[in-house]
Amino acid sequence: MSAVSHNERKRTTRLLLPDADVLGFAVATFVAGAVAAFGLFRLQLTAFETLLRAGLTFVVTYAAVFMLVKYIVWAMLTEIASKRRREFEIQRQALAAQNGHGSRPPEQEPGEAGK
């Protein structure tokens, strides 16, 4: 075991962040393929109509998934950053209290304690 105590070790948060571009492309390809198959085989549409519908579906789905993933990643990273700031502030206050700083009221100077 190392000489560093459990409280002094830095915690590492590992994240697997999704790539909005790749995820959007994959989902949009699947959905557009499903729309094309449904249009060709179930609705008996022409090839032009099917390609038009599948293309439009691809663009809309890609944009929606891309923006959704970007927002989720942004919200997640913002939350982690605020949590780390709170933890840092708590540690800083605890260290200041342990070292004797911050134990007197801010309006009182060190020489005025007995007056």
Protein backbone atom coordinates (compact mmCIF):
# COMPACT_ATOMS: atom_id res chain seq x y z
CA MET A 1 0.00 0.00 0.00
CA SER A 2 1.27 3.47 -0.75
CA ALA A 3 2.21 6.07 1.81
CA VAL A 4 -0.59 8.39 0.66
CA SER A 5 -3.74 8.08 2.70
CA HIS A 6 -7.10 7.41 1.12
CA ASN A 7 -8.24 11.02 1.71
CA GLU A 8 -5.14 12.53 0.10
CA ARG A 9 -5.36 10.50 -3.11
CA LYS A 10 -6.89 12.23 -6.08
CA ARG A 11 -10.07 10.68 -7.32
CA THR A 12 -10.17 10.07 -11.01
CA THR A 13 -13.45 10.19 -12.85
CA ARG A 14 -13.37 8.26 -16.08
CA LEU A 15 -15.94 9.13 -18.68
CA LEU A 16 -16.81 7.48 -21.93
CA LEU A 17 -18.11 10.42 -23.93
CA PRO A 18 -20.19 9.58 -26.97
CA ASP A 19 -19.16 11.16 -30.26
CA ALA A 20 -22.17 13.13 -31.47
CA ASP A 21 -21.12 12.90 -35.11
CA VAL A 22 -20.67 9.13 -35.19
CA LEU A 23 -23.74 8.43 -33.09
CA GLY A 24 -25.89 10.75 -35.20
CA PHE A 25 -24.68 9.12 -38.40
CA ALA A 26 -25.34 5.61 -37.12
CA VAL A 27 -28.84 6.35 -35.85
CA ALA A 28 -29.76 8.37 -38.93
CA THR A 29 -28.55 5.60 -41.25
CA PHE A 30 -30.63 3.01 -39.41
CA VAL A 31 -33.78 5.15 -39.35
CA ALA A 32 -33.41 6.21 -43.00
CA GLY A 33 -32.91 2.57 -44.00
CA ALA A 34 -36.06 1.59 -42.15
CA VAL A 35 -38.00 4.41 -43.84
CA ALA A 36 -36.67 3.34 -47.25
CA ALA A 37 -37.57 -0.30 -46.68
CA PHE A 38 -41.02 0.59 -45.40
CA GLY A 39 -41.61 2.95 -48.32
CA LEU A 40 -40.51 0.49 -50.97
CA PHE A 41 -42.08 -2.69 -49.69
CA ARG A 42 -45.09 -1.64 -47.64
CA LEU A 43 -46.28 1.58 -49.28
CA GLN A 44 -45.19 0.62 -52.82
CA LEU A 45 -43.66 4.07 -53.43
CA THR A 46 -41.47 4.87 -56.40
CA ALA A 47 -37.71 4.88 -55.99
CA PHE A 48 -37.60 8.69 -56.23
CA GLU A 49 -40.21 9.18 -53.49
CA THR A 50 -38.50 6.62 -51.30
CA LEU A 51 -35.07 8.25 -51.70
CA LEU A 52 -36.55 11.67 -51.04
CA ARG A 53 -38.27 10.50 -47.85
CA ALA A 54 -35.25 8.53 -46.67
CA GLY A 55 -32.90 11.46 -47.36
CA LEU A 56 -35.10 13.91 -45.50
CA THR A 57 -35.44 11.45 -42.64
CA PHE A 58 -31.65 11.03 -42.53
CA VAL A 59 -31.02 14.79 -42.32
CA VAL A 60 -33.64 15.42 -39.64
CA THR A 61 -32.61 12.40 -37.56
CA TYR A 62 -28.90 13.23 -37.81
CA ALA A 63 -29.48 16.83 -36.70
CA ALA A 64 -31.73 15.79 -33.82
CA VAL A 65 -29.39 13.10 -32.49
CA PHE A 66 -26.31 15.32 -32.93
CA MET A 67 -27.85 18.20 -30.98
CA LEU A 68 -29.28 15.90 -28.30
CA VAL A 69 -25.93 14.17 -27.70
CA LYS A 70 -24.09 17.52 -27.61
CA TYR A 71 -26.56 18.84 -25.03
CA ILE A 72 -26.35 15.72 -22.87
CA VAL A 73 -22.53 15.77 -22.89
CA TRP A 74 -22.52 19.50 -22.08
CA ALA A 75 -24.96 19.02 -19.18
CA MET A 76 -23.01 16.05 -17.84
CA LEU A 77 -19.66 17.86 -17.96
CA THR A 78 -21.15 21.00 -16.40
CA GLU A 79 -22.54 18.94 -13.53
CA ILE A 80 -19.21 17.19 -12.95
CA ALA A 81 -17.36 20.51 -13.01
CA SER A 82 -19.73 22.10 -10.49
CA LYS A 83 -19.44 19.05 -8.23
CA ARG A 84 -15.65 19.28 -8.34
CA ARG A 85 -15.78 23.02 -7.57
CA ARG A 86 -17.99 22.34 -4.54
CA GLU A 87 -15.66 19.59 -3.32
CA PHE A 88 -12.63 21.85 -3.80
CA GLU A 89 -14.31 24.67 -1.87
CA ILE A 90 -15.22 22.32 0.99
CA GLN A 91 -11.64 21.01 1.13
CA ARG A 92 -10.26 24.56 1.04
CA GLN A 93 -12.53 25.65 3.89
CA ALA A 94 -11.65 22.58 5.94
CA LEU A 95 -7.94 23.19 5.42
CA ALA A 96 -8.32 26.87 6.34
CA ALA A 97 -10.20 25.96 9.52
CA GLN A 98 -7.59 23.33 10.37
CA ASN A 99 -4.77 25.88 9.99
CA GLY A 100 -6.59 28.47 12.09
CA HIS A 101 -7.59 30.75 9.24
CA GLY A 102 -11.15 31.86 9.06
CA SER A 103 -11.85 31.10 12.75
CA ARG A 104 -12.48 34.76 13.67
CA PRO A 105 -15.22 36.94 12.22
CA PRO A 106 -14.13 38.98 9.19
CA GLU A 107 -14.89 42.36 10.84
CA GLN A 108 -12.51 41.66 13.72
CA GLU A 109 -8.78 42.33 13.32
CA PRO A 110 -6.22 40.12 15.13
CA GLY A 111 -5.28 42.84 17.66
CA GLU A 112 -8.90 43.76 18.45
CA ALA A 113 -9.98 40.41 19.90
CA GLY A 114 -9.73 41.59 23.54
CA LYS A 115 -11.33 45.04 23.11
